[in-house]
C-alpha atoms as a PDB file:
ATOM      1  CA  MET A   1      54.644 107.388 143.000  1.00  0.00           C
ATOM      2  CA  LYS A   2      58.229 108.056 142.024  1.00  0.00           C
ATOM      3  CA  PRO A   3      59.024 104.409 141.108  1.00  0.00           C
ATOM      4  CA  VAL A   4      55.949 104.357 138.829  1.00  0.00           C
ATOM      5  CA  PHE A   5      57.067 107.584 137.161  1.00  0.00           C
ATOM      6  CA  ASN A   6      60.537 106.157 136.620  1.00  0.00           C
ATOM      7  CA  LYS A   7      59.089 103.013 135.034  1.00  0.00           C
ATOM      8  CA  ILE A   8      56.971 105.076 132.668  1.00  0.00           C
ATOM      9  CA  LYS A   9      59.960 107.253 131.830  1.00  0.00           C
ATOM     10  CA  LYS A  10      62.108 104.186 131.124  1.00  0.00           C
ATOM     11  CA  LEU A  11      59.368 102.619 129.000  1.00  0.00           C
ATOM     12  CA  LEU A  12      58.996 105.759 126.901  1.00  0.00           C
ATOM     13  CA  PHE A  13      62.774 106.006 126.481  1.00  0.00           C
ATOM     14  CA  ASN A  14      62.966 102.396 125.295  1.00  0.00           C
ATOM     15  CA  LYS A  15      60.181 102.989 122.802  1.00  0.00           C
ATOM     16  CA  TRP A  16      61.940 106.062 121.416  1.00  0.00           C
ATOM     17  CA  MET A  17      65.184 104.124 121.128  1.00  0.00           C
ATOM     18  CA  ILE A  18      63.393 101.428 119.146  1.00  0.00           C
ATOM     19  CA  VAL A  19      62.008 104.105 116.821  1.00  0.00           C
ATOM     20  CA  VAL A  20      65.452 105.685 116.408  1.00  0.00           C
ATOM     21  CA  TYR A  21      67.120 102.333 115.705  1.00  0.00           C
ATOM     22  CA  GLY A  22      64.386 101.508 113.220  1.00  0.00           C
ATOM     23  CA  LEU A  23      64.882 104.784 111.369  1.00  0.00           C
ATOM     24  CA  VAL A  24      68.657 104.253 111.240  1.00  0.00           C
ATOM     25  CA  ILE A  25      68.243 100.758 109.812  1.00  0.00           C
ATOM     26  CA  LEU A  26      65.720 102.048 107.273  1.00  0.00           C
ATOM     27  CA  PHE A  27      68.119 104.811 106.241  1.00  0.00           C
ATOM     28  CA  VAL A  28      70.985 102.344 105.771  1.00  0.00           C
ATOM     29  CA  ILE A  29      68.873  99.960 103.678  1.00  0.00           C
ATOM     30  CA  THR A  30      67.339 102.750 101.587  1.00  0.00           C
ATOM     31  CA  SER A  31      70.721 104.360 100.905  1.00  0.00           C
ATOM     32  CA  ASN A  32      72.108 101.094  99.586  1.00  0.00           C
ATOM     33  CA  ILE A  33      69.069 100.355  97.427  1.00  0.00           C
ATOM     34  CA  ILE A  34      69.163 103.820  95.877  1.00  0.00           C
ATOM     35  CA  ILE A  35      72.901 103.739  95.118  1.00  0.00           C
ATOM     36  CA  VAL A  36      72.814 100.228  93.645  1.00  0.00           C
ATOM     37  CA  ASN A  37      69.852 101.011  91.394  1.00  0.00           C
ATOM     38  CA  LEU A  38      71.157 104.381  90.239  1.00  0.00           C
ATOM     39  CA  THR A  39      74.528 102.981  89.144  1.00  0.00           C
ATOM     40  CA  LYS A  40      73.861  99.429  87.928  1.00  0.00           C
ATOM     41  CA  ASP A  41      73.545 100.401  84.250  1.00  0.00           C
ATOM     42  CA  SER A  42      76.907 102.200  84.300  1.00  0.00           C
ATOM     43  CA  ILE A  43      78.971  99.186  85.373  1.00  0.00           C
ATOM     44  CA  TYR A  44      80.606  96.870  82.828  1.00  0.00           C
ATOM     45  CA  SER A  45      82.309  93.551  83.432  1.00  0.00           C
ATOM     46  CA  THR A  46      83.479  92.516  79.963  1.00  0.00           C
ATOM     47  CA  ILE A  47      86.063  94.492  78.027  1.00  0.00           C
ATOM     48  CA  SER A  48      84.407  94.017  74.641  1.00  0.00           C
ATOM     49  CA  THR A  49      81.239  95.828  75.749  1.00  0.00           C
ATOM     50  CA  THR A  50      82.978  98.581  77.704  1.00  0.00           C
ATOM     51  CA  PRO A  51      82.822 102.015  76.026  1.00  0.00           C
ATOM     52  CA  GLU A  52      86.107 103.730  75.288  1.00  0.00           C
ATOM     53  CA  LYS A  53      87.243 106.577  77.514  1.00  0.00           C
ATOM     54  CA  GLN A  54      90.442 108.568  77.434  1.00  0.00           C
ATOM     55  CA  VAL A  55      91.269 108.096  81.108  1.00  0.00           C
ATOM     56  CA  ALA A  56      90.762 105.378  83.710  1.00  0.00           C
ATOM     57  CA  LEU A  57      90.873 105.839  87.463  1.00  0.00           C
ATOM     58  CA  ILE A  58      91.983 102.927  89.657  1.00  0.00           C
ATOM     59  CA  LEU A  59      90.757 103.216  93.220  1.00  0.00           C
ATOM     60  CA  GLY A  60      93.573 102.373  95.582  1.00  0.00           C
ATOM     61  CA  THR A  61      94.066  99.624  98.089  1.00  0.00           C
ATOM     62  CA  SER A  62      97.105  98.050  99.672  1.00  0.00           C
ATOM     63  CA  LYS A  63      99.108  95.508  97.687  1.00  0.00           C
ATOM     64  CA  TYR A  64      99.290  93.241 100.725  1.00  0.00           C
ATOM     65  CA  THR A  65      96.858  92.095 103.391  1.00  0.00           C
ATOM     66  CA  SER A  66      97.526  92.563 107.102  1.00  0.00           C
ATOM     67  CA  ARG A  67      98.991  89.050 107.108  1.00  0.00           C
ATOM     68  CA  GLY A  68     101.466  89.892 104.360  1.00  0.00           C
ATOM     69  CA  ASN A  69      99.695  88.000 101.580  1.00  0.00           C
ATOM     70  CA  THR A  70      98.895  89.440  98.170  1.00  0.00           C
ATOM     71  CA  ASN A  71      95.694  91.467  98.334  1.00  0.00           C
ATOM     72  CA  LEU A  72      93.402  90.050  95.646  1.00  0.00           C
ATOM     73  CA  PHE A  73      91.440  93.293  95.453  1.00  0.00           C
ATOM     74  CA  PHE A  74      94.680  95.015  94.419  1.00  0.00           C
ATOM     75  CA  LYS A  75      95.741  92.246  92.030  1.00  0.00           C
ATOM     76  CA  TYR A  76      92.440  92.067  90.167  1.00  0.00           C
ATOM     77  CA  ARG A  77      92.099  95.860  89.824  1.00  0.00           C
ATOM     78  CA  ILE A  78      95.580  96.065  88.318  1.00  0.00           C
ATOM     79  CA  VAL A  79      94.874  93.239  85.864  1.00  0.00           C
ATOM     80  CA  ALA A  80      91.605  94.891  84.816  1.00  0.00           C
ATOM     81  CA  ALA A  81      93.282  98.268  84.261  1.00  0.00           C
ATOM     82  CA  ALA A  82      96.148  96.759  82.260  1.00  0.00           C
ATOM     83  CA  ASP A  83      93.717  94.824  80.068  1.00  0.00           C
ATOM     84  CA  LEU A  84      91.638  97.929  79.393  1.00  0.00           C
ATOM     85  CA  TYR A  85      94.749  99.850  78.397  1.00  0.00           C
ATOM     86  CA  LEU A  86      96.354  97.146  76.280  1.00  0.00           C
ATOM     87  CA  LEU A  87      93.091  96.508  74.415  1.00  0.00           C
ATOM     88  CA  GLY A  88      92.605 100.193  73.662  1.00  0.00           C
ATOM     89  CA  LYS A  89      89.659 100.958  75.922  1.00  0.00           C
ATOM     90  CA  VAL A  90      91.602 103.679  77.766  1.00  0.00           C
ATOM     91  CA  LYS A  91      94.694 105.686  76.883  1.00  0.00           C
ATOM     92  CA  HIS A  92      95.809 106.859  80.300  1.00  0.00           C
ATOM     93  CA  ILE A  93      95.457 105.632  83.877  1.00  0.00           C
ATOM     94  CA  ILE A  94      95.284 107.589  87.133  1.00  0.00           C
ATOM     95  CA  VAL A  95      96.374 105.469  90.083  1.00  0.00           C
ATOM     96  CA  SER A  96      94.837 107.051  93.148  1.00  0.00           C
ATOM     97  CA  GLY A  97      95.534 105.959  96.689  1.00  0.00           C
ATOM     98  CA  ASP A  98      96.899 106.641 100.111  1.00  0.00           C
ATOM     99  CA  ASN A  99     100.475 107.750 100.730  1.00  0.00           C
ATOM    100  CA  ARG A 100     100.258 108.284 104.462  1.00  0.00           C
ATOM    101  CA  THR A 101     103.896 107.408 105.232  1.00  0.00           C
ATOM    102  CA  LYS A 102     107.186 106.871 103.409  1.00  0.00           C
ATOM    103  CA  ASN A 103     106.711 103.135 103.768  1.00  0.00           C
ATOM    104  CA  TYR A 104     103.084 103.041 102.644  1.00  0.00           C
ATOM    105  CA  ASN A 105     102.500 104.200  99.095  1.00  0.00           C
ATOM    106  CA  GLU A 106      99.564 102.746  97.206  1.00  0.00           C
ATOM    107  CA  PRO A 107     100.030 104.786  93.985  1.00  0.00           C
ATOM    108  CA  LYS A 108     103.654 103.686  93.555  1.00  0.00           C
ATOM    109  CA  GLN A 109     102.698 100.073  94.193  1.00  0.00           C
ATOM    110  CA  MET A 110      99.985 100.307  91.552  1.00  0.00           C
ATOM    111  CA  ARG A 111     102.270 101.951  89.004  1.00  0.00           C
ATOM    112  CA  LYS A 112     104.938  99.292  89.482  1.00  0.00           C
ATOM    113  CA  ALA A 113     102.369  96.520  89.040  1.00  0.00           C
ATOM    114  CA  LEU A 114     100.932  98.128  85.893  1.00  0.00           C
ATOM    115  CA  ILE A 115     104.369  98.527  84.333  1.00  0.00           C
ATOM    116  CA  ALA A 116     105.051  94.842  85.014  1.00  0.00           C
ATOM    117  CA  LEU A 117     101.968  94.031  82.924  1.00  0.00           C
ATOM    118  CA  GLY A 118     103.052  96.175  79.982  1.00  0.00           C
ATOM    119  CA  VAL A 119     101.563  99.606  80.652  1.00  0.00           C
ATOM    120  CA  PRO A 120     104.157 102.310  79.827  1.00  0.00           C
ATOM    121  CA  THR A 121     105.208 104.749  82.530  1.00  0.00           C
ATOM    122  CA  GLU A 122     104.132 107.771  80.496  1.00  0.00           C
ATOM    123  CA  ALA A 123     100.558 106.447  80.442  1.00  0.00           C
ATOM    124  CA  ILE A 124     100.299 106.511  84.244  1.00  0.00           C
ATOM    125  CA  THR A 125      99.608 109.459  86.535  1.00  0.00           C
ATOM    126  CA  LEU A 126     100.023 109.125  90.287  1.00  0.00           C
ATOM    127  CA  ASP A 127      97.523 110.648  92.684  1.00  0.00           C
ATOM    128  CA  TYR A 128      99.034 110.576  96.152  1.00  0.00           C
ATOM    129  CA  ALA A 129      96.027 112.161  97.881  1.00  0.00           C
ATOM    130  CA  GLY A 130      93.388 109.513  97.238  1.00  0.00           C
ATOM    131  CA  PHE A 131      92.801 109.071 100.951  1.00  0.00           C
ATOM    132  CA  ARG A 132      89.247 107.852 100.416  1.00  0.00           C
ATOM    133  CA  THR A 133      86.954 107.120  97.492  1.00  0.00           C
ATOM    134  CA  LEU A 134      85.424 110.589  97.544  1.00  0.00           C
ATOM    135  CA  ASP A 135      88.879 112.195  97.344  1.00  0.00           C
ATOM    136  CA  SER A 136      89.964 109.997  94.419  1.00  0.00           C
ATOM    137  CA  VAL A 137      86.834 110.635  92.366  1.00  0.00           C
ATOM    138  CA  VAL A 138      86.616 114.374  92.999  1.00  0.00           C
ATOM    139  CA  ARG A 139      90.341 114.918  92.422  1.00  0.00           C
ATOM    140  CA  SER A 140      90.106 113.211  89.023  1.00  0.00           C
ATOM    141  CA  LYS A 141      88.042 116.222  87.957  1.00  0.00           C
ATOM    142  CA  LYS A 142      89.197 119.075  90.175  1.00  0.00           C
ATOM    143  CA  VAL A 143      92.932 118.341  89.986  1.00  0.00           C
ATOM    144  CA  PHE A 144      93.473 116.230  86.873  1.00  0.00           C
ATOM    145  CA  GLY A 145      90.815 117.896  84.716  1.00  0.00           C
ATOM    146  CA  GLN A 146      88.828 114.815  83.729  1.00  0.00           C
ATOM    147  CA  ASN A 147      85.101 115.126  83.105  1.00  0.00           C
ATOM    148  CA  GLU A 148      84.829 111.617  81.613  1.00  0.00           C
ATOM    149  CA  ILE A 149      86.443 108.586  83.236  1.00  0.00           C
ATOM    150  CA  THR A 150      86.301 104.830  83.587  1.00  0.00           C
ATOM    151  CA  ILE A 151      86.552 103.922  87.254  1.00  0.00           C
ATOM    152  CA  ILE A 152      88.110 100.551  88.068  1.00  0.00           C
ATOM    153  CA  SER A 153      87.385  98.582  91.223  1.00  0.00           C
ATOM    154  CA  GLN A 154      85.175  95.700  92.352  1.00  0.00           C
ATOM    155  CA  ARG A 155      81.461  96.114  91.595  1.00  0.00           C
ATOM    156  CA  PHE A 156      80.306  96.734  95.171  1.00  0.00           C
ATOM    157  CA  HIS A 157      82.871  99.547  95.478  1.00  0.00           C
ATOM    158  CA  LEU A 158      82.115 100.987  92.040  1.00  0.00           C
ATOM    159  CA  GLU A 159      78.511 101.608  93.019  1.00  0.00           C
ATOM    160  CA  ARG A 160      79.575 104.144  95.624  1.00  0.00           C
ATOM    161  CA  ALA A 161      82.269 105.674  93.411  1.00  0.00           C
ATOM    162  CA  LEU A 162      79.823 106.215  90.548  1.00  0.00           C
ATOM    163  CA  PHE A 163      77.287 107.723  92.944  1.00  0.00           C
ATOM    164  CA  ILE A 164      79.933 110.242  93.995  1.00  0.00           C
ATOM    165  CA  ALA A 165      80.888 110.916  90.374  1.00  0.00           C
ATOM    166  CA  ASP A 166      77.279 111.633  89.464  1.00  0.00           C
ATOM    167  CA  ARG A 167      76.980 114.135  92.301  1.00  0.00           C
ATOM    168  CA  TYR A 168      80.009 115.983  90.911  1.00  0.00           C
ATOM    169  CA  LYS A 169      78.694 115.838  87.338  1.00  0.00           C
ATOM    170  CA  ILE A 170      81.441 113.531  86.088  1.00  0.00           C
ATOM    171  CA  ASP A 171      80.476 111.382  83.108  1.00  0.00           C
ATOM    172  CA  ALA A 172      81.752 108.117  84.570  1.00  0.00           C
ATOM    173  CA  ILE A 173      81.360 104.438  83.908  1.00  0.00           C
ATOM    174  CA  GLY A 174      82.721 101.613  86.004  1.00  0.00           C
ATOM    175  CA  PHE A 175      84.648  98.525  85.031  1.00  0.00           C
ATOM    176  CA  ALA A 176      84.142  95.732  87.546  1.00  0.00           C
ATOM    177  CA  ALA A 177      87.369  93.933  88.338  1.00  0.00           C
ATOM    178  CA  GLN A 178      87.170  90.283  89.332  1.00  0.00           C
ATOM    179  CA  ASP A 179      85.877  89.609  92.834  1.00  0.00           C
ATOM    180  CA  PRO A 180      87.997  87.546  95.229  1.00  0.00           C
ATOM    181  CA  PRO A 181      86.555  84.049  95.794  1.00  0.00           C
ATOM    182  CA  GLY A 182      84.354  82.800  98.599  1.00  0.00           C
ATOM    183  CA  ASN A 183      84.289  84.583 101.921  1.00  0.00           C
ATOM    184  CA  TYR A 184      87.555  86.444 101.195  1.00  0.00           C
ATOM    185  CA  SER A 185      85.682  89.749 100.924  1.00  0.00           C
ATOM    186  CA  THR A 186      82.940  89.302 103.558  1.00  0.00           C
ATOM    187  CA  LYS A 187      84.258  91.928 105.982  1.00  0.00           C
ATOM    188  CA  THR A 188      84.963  94.379 103.171  1.00  0.00           C
ATOM    189  CA  ARG A 189      81.454  93.970 101.783  1.00  0.00           C
ATOM    190  CA  ILE A 190      79.859  94.550 105.189  1.00  0.00           C
ATOM    191  CA  ARG A 191      81.980  97.669 105.656  1.00  0.00           C
ATOM    192  CA  GLU A 192      80.978  98.874 102.181  1.00  0.00           C
ATOM    193  CA  TYR A 193      77.309  98.562 103.099  1.00  0.00           C
ATOM    194  CA  PHE A 194      77.733 101.267 105.724  1.00  0.00           C
ATOM    195  CA  ALA A 195      80.144 103.244 103.520  1.00  0.00           C
ATOM    196  CA  LYS A 196      77.335 103.722 101.021  1.00  0.00           C
ATOM    197  CA  THR A 197      75.175 105.208 103.756  1.00  0.00           C
ATOM    198  CA  LYS A 198      78.009 107.510 104.743  1.00  0.00           C
ATOM    199  CA  ALA A 199      78.344 108.601 101.107  1.00  0.00           C
ATOM    200  CA  VAL A 200      74.744 109.814 101.149  1.00  0.00           C
ATOM    201  CA  ILE A 201      75.440 111.768 104.335  1.00  0.00           C
ATOM    202  CA  ASP A 202      78.713 113.173 102.978  1.00  0.00           C
ATOM    203  CA  LEU A 203      77.242 114.324  99.684  1.00  0.00           C
ATOM    204  CA  TYR A 204      73.730 115.457 100.594  1.00  0.00           C
ATOM    205  CA  ILE A 205      73.817 116.362 104.287  1.00  0.00           C
ATOM    206  CA  ILE A 206      77.239 117.605 105.402  1.00  0.00           C
ATOM    207  CA  ASN A 207      78.699 118.375 101.952  1.00  0.00           C
ATOM    208  CA  LYS A 208      81.994 116.640 102.695  1.00  0.00           C
ATOM    209  CA  LYS A 209      85.005 117.871 100.680  1.00  0.00           C
ATOM    210  CA  PRO A 210      88.259 116.124  99.757  1.00  0.00           C
ATOM    211  CA  LYS A 211      90.963 116.370 102.379  1.00  0.00           C
ATOM    212  CA  PHE A 212      93.383 117.960  99.926  1.00  0.00           C
ATOM    213  CA  LEU A 213      93.115 119.371  96.413  1.00  0.00           C
ATOM    214  CA  GLY A 214      96.142 121.532  95.641  1.00  0.00           C
ATOM    215  CA  LYS A 215      97.206 122.817  92.250  1.00  0.00           C
ATOM    216  CA  LYS A 216      95.886 121.426  88.982  1.00  0.00           C
ATOM    217  CA  GLU A 217      97.859 118.727  87.184  1.00  0.00           C
ATOM    218  CA  LEU A 218      96.028 118.480  83.876  1.00  0.00           C
ATOM    219  CA  ILE A 219      96.566 115.260  81.946  1.00  0.00           C
ATOM    220  CA  LYS A 220      97.488 115.741  78.306  1.00  0.00           C
ATOM    221  CA  ILE A 221      96.974 112.754  76.016  1.00  0.00           C
END
């Protein structure tokens, strides 16, 4: 009798696991569909049609890949931000990224690259505590006092950033920087798919907060 009971128990467990896995997959797919549809009308890809905002926010990434090559995500975001500034679509740029060690400093790398393209130093503010997208977006309002911003990144990343901005009542639009070619971004895109799901959990279930806020540094233009 005991072996039969164990078989039934195992069968029921397997069925419940299938249900659980199914619900998880459904949640992931639904989260992505909702975020993409809610933000698609707020993303621009041509400068001429992009509304003017006082301040842009570049979401950080490393200048180099793990192999030491130029990171195209970084390069294209910088080019997009410089173009927006030089063509008068924004007047100031927040460069927000990770500064985890003395030898790893995304904001300084971004500032240096922007200056090389003609953006003046005084038009750039460094945010050293942009440890993740949520931190960068929330800090643009809570620390730097911006209720209206243009967020700059690749489209698939902007969708999540704009979703976060909406939750925090920030009037934000996104400017989609050029995507790297081919399968360059496959792993990043797969990771982003689950990051969108995590954003829903962070914002509406566990109420995740930025790692660090600190004192206000209001931007005066």
